[in-house]
Amino acid sequence: MREFTRRRFIVVGAAGIAAAYVSAACGDDGNGGVASPAPDATAPAAAASPTVDAGADRGAAGLQWFGQSMFLLTSPGGTTVLLDPFGEIGYTLPPPLNSDVATITHEHPDHSNDALAGTATVLRGLTADGWADIDETIGDVNIRTVQTCHAASQGSERGRNAVFVFETGGLRIAHLGDLGHVLTDEQRTGIGQVDALMVPVGGGFTLDAAAATQVAGQLDAKIAFPMHYQTERVTFLRDTAEPFLVGKTVERAGSTTIRLSAADLPAALTAYVLDYE
């Protein structure tokens, strides 16, 4: 396990509406391993703008959703982690964020635009012929991976996928990437019980509402952030978030950001719906 101590506050801006994307973004990578990112998935130069704050007391983590599967996690100590940055798929494409670290669950171009990572250390969950074995501490965030697949066919249909697990501030947070199957006992044990879960719910390419609900139960999640679903900006995905919300306690944040504290977790699974730019 390697340890990093580099810390930096992050700048976030907007660069206008990105061009429409094609449904092939989440298609088969051809060999079950690493696909080439989109060659035009670039971003303009970074520009200063307000930071994403975890809370005035710095005792909580901050989370911002940009759309699709792209989030920014800010630890209580100020370490910033960019998760699955997208290319030009329809959401607002920010300038390079220059976070401390960026994580990429798999190499499909709506998850792997490392141009947005700027000067960050980039951790890729896949290698050319398999999965990376990541277990690193960067600032006050431990980051590790668990091997999964993009579909129930164990990688033969749409390739591999890495779940990233983040531990910081007494919280365990999991980003499932493009998980396409319920978890095995080994995968569930590897991830562990999670406090906050970023889970794809759009179906077709990934988990649908029923399977996403099952996975949230497998991990005993207290908070689930639906992601990778159809919106007004991205229409190539099959389902909206609404089927996943049925029968659950739902909180609509009315914001792209939320503050997460171990002391304030709900007693039972609650779905939090974030806005996007």
Protein backbone atom coordinates (compact mmCIF):
# COMPACT_ATOMS: atom_id res chain seq x y z
CA MET A 1 0.00 0.00 0.00
CA ARG A 2 1.41 3.39 -0.98
CA GLU A 3 0.73 6.56 0.95
CA PHE A 4 0.46 10.04 -0.54
CA THR A 5 0.29 13.27 1.43
CA ARG A 6 -0.25 15.78 -1.38
CA ARG A 7 -3.30 17.99 -0.75
CA ARG A 8 -4.91 20.69 -2.85
CA PHE A 9 -8.22 22.50 -2.91
CA ILE A 10 -10.18 22.01 -6.10
CA VAL A 11 -11.58 24.53 -8.55
CA VAL A 12 -14.79 23.83 -10.34
CA GLY A 13 -16.21 25.74 -13.27
CA ALA A 14 -18.56 25.30 -16.21
CA ALA A 15 -17.55 25.31 -19.85
CA GLY A 16 -20.95 25.26 -21.50
CA ILE A 17 -23.07 22.38 -22.69
CA ALA A 18 -21.14 19.50 -24.23
CA ALA A 19 -22.14 17.96 -27.54
CA ALA A 20 -24.57 15.04 -27.70
CA TYR A 21 -23.03 11.61 -27.26
CA VAL A 22 -23.70 8.27 -28.95
CA SER A 23 -25.05 5.14 -27.36
CA ALA A 24 -21.82 3.27 -28.10
CA ALA A 25 -20.22 4.96 -25.10
CA CYS A 26 -21.10 2.01 -22.90
CA GLY A 27 -20.74 -0.69 -25.53
CA ASP A 28 -18.40 -3.67 -25.60
CA ASP A 29 -14.70 -2.77 -25.52
CA GLY A 30 -13.96 -5.71 -27.80
CA ASN A 31 -11.73 -7.76 -25.51
CA GLY A 32 -13.16 -7.41 -22.02
CA GLY A 33 -10.25 -5.21 -21.00
CA VAL A 34 -9.24 -1.63 -21.70
CA ALA A 35 -10.90 0.32 -24.48
CA SER A 36 -9.42 3.46 -25.96
CA PRO A 37 -10.92 6.70 -24.60
CA ALA A 38 -12.68 8.98 -27.05
CA PRO A 39 -10.02 10.99 -28.90
CA ASP A 40 -12.02 14.23 -28.69
CA ALA A 41 -12.83 13.92 -24.96
CA THR A 42 -10.83 17.02 -24.10
CA ALA A 43 -11.55 20.06 -21.97
CA PRO A 44 -10.55 23.74 -21.98
CA ALA A 45 -7.89 25.18 -19.71
CA ALA A 46 -8.66 25.38 -15.99
CA ALA A 47 -10.19 28.55 -14.62
CA ALA A 48 -10.56 29.56 -10.98
CA SER A 49 -13.99 29.35 -9.39
CA PRO A 50 -15.48 28.46 -5.96
CA THR A 51 -14.29 25.37 -4.13
CA VAL A 52 -16.45 22.43 -3.20
CA ASP A 53 -16.57 22.59 0.60
CA ALA A 54 -17.17 19.64 2.90
CA GLY A 55 -18.68 21.83 5.59
CA ALA A 56 -17.56 24.76 7.70
CA ASP A 57 -16.30 22.49 10.49
CA ARG A 58 -14.32 20.31 8.01
CA GLY A 59 -15.71 17.34 9.96
CA ALA A 60 -17.63 15.91 7.03
CA ALA A 61 -17.07 14.87 3.45
CA GLY A 62 -18.45 16.80 0.50
CA LEU A 63 -19.85 15.20 -2.65
CA GLN A 64 -20.70 16.88 -5.94
CA TRP A 65 -22.42 15.21 -8.90
CA PHE A 66 -21.74 16.44 -12.44
CA GLY A 67 -24.02 13.93 -14.17
CA GLN A 68 -23.69 10.34 -15.46
CA SER A 69 -21.17 8.68 -13.08
CA MET A 70 -18.89 11.67 -12.45
CA PHE A 71 -18.53 12.90 -8.87
CA LEU A 72 -16.10 14.98 -6.86
CA LEU A 73 -15.40 13.74 -3.34
CA THR A 74 -13.82 16.17 -0.87
CA SER A 75 -12.56 14.54 2.32
CA PRO A 76 -12.78 16.15 5.79
CA GLY A 77 -9.07 16.97 5.46
CA GLY A 78 -9.47 18.59 2.05
CA THR A 79 -8.23 15.77 -0.18
CA THR A 80 -10.12 15.84 -3.48
CA VAL A 81 -10.98 12.80 -5.59
CA LEU A 82 -12.53 12.97 -9.06
CA LEU A 83 -14.58 9.87 -9.91
CA ASP A 84 -15.26 8.60 -13.45
CA PRO A 85 -14.91 11.86 -15.41
CA PHE A 86 -17.02 11.92 -18.58
CA GLY A 87 -16.29 13.27 -22.04
CA GLU A 88 -18.66 15.18 -24.28
CA ILE A 89 -21.88 13.29 -23.61
CA GLY A 90 -24.39 16.10 -23.05
CA TYR A 91 -23.63 17.30 -19.53
CA THR A 92 -21.72 20.50 -18.85
CA LEU A 93 -18.03 19.78 -19.32
CA PRO A 94 -15.99 21.61 -16.64
CA PRO A 95 -12.39 22.70 -17.07
CA PRO A 96 -9.66 20.40 -15.73
CA LEU A 97 -10.28 20.09 -12.00
CA ASN A 98 -6.70 19.50 -10.76
CA SER A 99 -7.88 17.24 -7.96
CA ASP A 100 -5.44 15.29 -5.82
CA VAL A 101 -6.47 12.00 -7.41
CA ALA A 102 -8.83 10.74 -10.10
CA THR A 103 -10.30 7.23 -10.24
CA ILE A 104 -11.51 5.46 -13.39
CA THR A 105 -13.62 2.32 -12.99
CA HIS A 106 -13.27 1.25 -16.63
CA GLU A 107 -12.15 2.72 -19.93
CA HIS A 108 -15.41 3.50 -21.70
CA PRO A 109 -15.31 7.15 -22.77
CA ASP A 110 -18.17 8.35 -20.57
CA HIS A 111 -16.08 7.31 -17.53
CA SER A 112 -12.44 7.84 -18.50
CA ASN A 113 -11.84 11.43 -19.64
CA ASP A 114 -8.60 11.90 -17.73
CA ALA A 115 -8.17 15.33 -19.37
CA LEU A 116 -10.47 16.56 -16.59
CA ALA A 117 -8.07 15.21 -13.97
CA GLY A 118 -5.53 17.93 -14.70
CA THR A 119 -2.51 17.40 -12.44
CA ALA A 120 -4.15 14.62 -10.40
CA THR A 121 -2.70 11.21 -9.73
CA VAL A 122 -4.86 8.93 -11.92
CA LEU A 123 -5.82 5.49 -10.59
CA ARG A 124 -7.23 3.17 -13.26
CA GLY A 125 -9.20 0.16 -12.13
CA LEU A 126 -8.31 -1.91 -15.20
CA THR A 127 -5.12 -3.00 -16.90
CA ALA A 128 -4.70 -4.05 -20.53
CA ASP A 129 -5.60 -7.65 -19.70
CA GLY A 130 -7.34 -7.58 -16.33
CA TRP A 131 -7.94 -5.59 -13.17
CA ALA A 132 -5.55 -3.38 -11.23
CA ASP A 133 -5.14 -4.19 -7.54
CA ILE A 134 -5.37 -0.80 -5.87
CA ASP A 135 -5.03 -0.14 -2.15
CA GLU A 136 -3.55 3.29 -1.53
CA THR A 137 -3.88 6.12 0.95
CA ILE A 138 -3.84 9.62 -0.48
CA GLY A 139 -4.13 12.39 2.08
CA ASP A 140 -6.84 11.23 4.48
CA VAL A 141 -8.57 8.94 1.97
CA ASN A 142 -7.94 5.23 1.60
CA ILE A 143 -8.80 4.00 -1.90
CA ARG A 144 -9.12 0.38 -2.94
CA THR A 145 -10.73 -1.64 -5.72
CA VAL A 146 -12.86 -4.75 -6.03
CA GLN A 147 -13.08 -6.73 -9.28
CA THR A 148 -16.49 -6.82 -10.99
CA CYS A 149 -17.87 -6.86 -14.54
CA HIS A 150 -19.91 -4.63 -16.80
CA ALA A 151 -22.47 -7.40 -17.32
CA ALA A 152 -23.44 -10.74 -15.82
CA SER A 153 -21.46 -12.51 -18.57
CA GLN A 154 -18.20 -11.98 -16.60
CA GLY A 155 -16.66 -9.50 -19.02
CA SER A 156 -17.35 -11.27 -22.32
CA GLU A 157 -20.18 -8.91 -23.30
CA ARG A 158 -19.14 -5.42 -22.22
CA GLY A 159 -15.83 -5.88 -20.48
CA ARG A 160 -14.57 -5.55 -16.94
CA ASN A 161 -15.44 -3.01 -14.26
CA ALA A 162 -13.73 -2.02 -11.01
CA VAL A 163 -15.66 -0.92 -7.94
CA PHE A 164 -13.79 1.82 -6.04
CA VAL A 165 -14.15 1.96 -2.26
CA PHE A 166 -13.21 5.14 -0.38
CA GLU A 167 -12.77 5.40 3.37
CA THR A 168 -12.47 8.81 5.00
CA GLY A 169 -13.89 10.62 8.01
CA GLY A 170 -15.41 7.45 9.44
CA LEU A 171 -17.34 6.85 6.20
CA ARG A 172 -17.10 4.03 3.68
CA ILE A 173 -18.22 5.18 0.24
CA ALA A 174 -18.44 2.93 -2.82
CA HIS A 175 -18.63 3.94 -6.48
CA LEU A 176 -19.89 0.98 -8.52
CA GLY A 177 -18.93 2.28 -11.96
CA ASP A 178 -20.86 0.40 -14.65
CA LEU A 179 -21.62 -2.65 -12.53
CA GLY A 180 -23.94 -4.92 -14.48
CA HIS A 181 -24.71 -7.76 -12.06
CA VAL A 182 -25.58 -8.43 -8.44
CA LEU A 183 -22.58 -9.12 -6.23
CA THR A 184 -21.09 -12.47 -5.42
CA ASP A 185 -20.40 -13.24 -1.77
CA GLU A 186 -16.70 -12.62 -2.39
CA GLN A 187 -17.36 -9.22 -3.97
CA ARG A 188 -19.76 -8.23 -1.22
CA THR A 189 -17.20 -9.14 1.43
CA GLY A 190 -14.48 -7.30 -0.48
CA ILE A 191 -16.49 -4.08 -0.59
CA GLY A 192 -17.87 -4.38 2.95
CA GLN A 193 -20.85 -2.61 4.46
CA VAL A 194 -21.07 0.88 2.96
CA ASP A 195 -22.47 4.12 4.29
CA ALA A 196 -22.92 5.81 0.90
CA LEU A 197 -23.29 4.09 -2.45
CA MET A 198 -23.07 5.54 -5.97
CA VAL A 199 -25.05 3.03 -8.00
CA PRO A 200 -26.00 2.87 -11.71
CA VAL A 201 -29.76 2.44 -12.18
CA GLY A 202 -30.38 3.10 -15.90
CA GLY A 203 -30.57 -0.51 -17.03
CA GLY A 204 -29.56 -1.83 -20.43
CA PHE A 205 -25.81 -1.29 -20.11
CA THR A 206 -25.78 -1.62 -16.29
CA LEU A 207 -27.93 -2.54 -13.30
CA ASP A 208 -31.61 -1.72 -13.59
CA ALA A 209 -33.75 -0.46 -10.71
CA ALA A 210 -34.49 -3.90 -9.26
CA ALA A 211 -30.89 -5.13 -9.41
CA ALA A 212 -29.56 -1.81 -8.07
CA THR A 213 -31.94 -2.10 -5.12
CA GLN A 214 -30.72 -5.65 -4.52
CA VAL A 215 -27.07 -4.53 -4.55
CA ALA A 216 -27.82 -1.67 -2.14
CA GLY A 217 -29.33 -4.28 0.18
CA GLN A 218 -26.34 -6.59 -0.21
CA LEU A 219 -24.09 -3.78 1.02
CA ASP A 220 -26.49 -2.55 3.72
CA ALA A 221 -26.12 0.96 2.31
CA LYS A 222 -27.60 3.85 4.29
CA ILE A 223 -27.46 6.35 1.43
CA ALA A 224 -27.74 5.54 -2.28
CA PHE A 225 -26.98 8.09 -4.98
CA PRO A 226 -28.54 6.92 -8.27
CA MET A 227 -26.34 7.61 -11.29
CA HIS A 228 -25.90 6.61 -14.93
CA TYR A 229 -29.58 7.03 -15.87
CA GLN A 230 -31.57 8.81 -18.54
CA THR A 231 -31.99 12.56 -18.12
CA GLU A 232 -32.87 15.49 -20.37
CA ARG A 233 -29.15 15.78 -21.19
CA VAL A 234 -28.41 12.09 -21.80
CA THR A 235 -31.10 10.08 -23.56
CA PHE A 236 -29.20 7.00 -24.78
CA LEU A 237 -29.73 5.20 -21.46
CA ARG A 238 -32.85 3.11 -21.08
CA ASP A 239 -34.37 4.17 -17.73
CA THR A 240 -34.67 7.31 -15.65
CA ALA A 241 -33.99 7.28 -11.91
CA GLU A 242 -37.69 7.08 -11.06
CA PRO A 243 -38.08 3.26 -11.06
CA PHE A 244 -35.22 3.00 -8.55
CA LEU A 245 -36.90 5.51 -6.22
CA VAL A 246 -40.17 3.60 -5.93
CA GLY A 247 -40.76 2.27 -2.41
CA LYS A 248 -37.76 4.08 -0.91
CA THR A 249 -37.34 7.10 1.32
CA VAL A 250 -36.24 9.79 -1.14
CA GLU A 251 -34.45 13.06 -0.52
CA ARG A 252 -34.08 15.49 -3.43
CA ALA A 253 -31.11 17.67 -2.60
CA GLY A 254 -32.05 20.58 -4.89
CA SER A 255 -28.30 21.03 -5.39
CA THR A 256 -25.35 19.41 -7.12
CA THR A 257 -23.59 19.04 -3.76
CA ILE A 258 -24.22 17.38 -0.42
CA ARG A 259 -22.45 17.12 2.92
CA LEU A 260 -21.87 13.61 4.31
CA SER A 261 -21.23 12.96 7.98
CA ALA A 262 -20.95 9.65 9.81
CA ALA A 263 -22.95 11.19 12.66
CA ASP A 264 -25.89 12.07 10.39
CA LEU A 265 -26.45 8.86 8.44
CA PRO A 266 -30.07 7.72 8.15
CA ALA A 267 -31.10 4.56 9.97
CA ALA A 268 -32.40 2.89 6.80
CA LEU A 269 -31.66 3.13 3.08
CA THR A 270 -32.42 6.60 1.71
CA ALA A 271 -32.07 7.55 -1.95
CA TYR A 272 -30.56 10.99 -2.46
CA VAL A 273 -31.15 12.59 -5.86
CA LEU A 274 -28.61 15.27 -6.72
CA ASP A 275 -28.96 17.92 -9.40
CA TYR A 276 -26.49 18.33 -12.25
CA GLU A 277 -25.20 21.41 -14.07
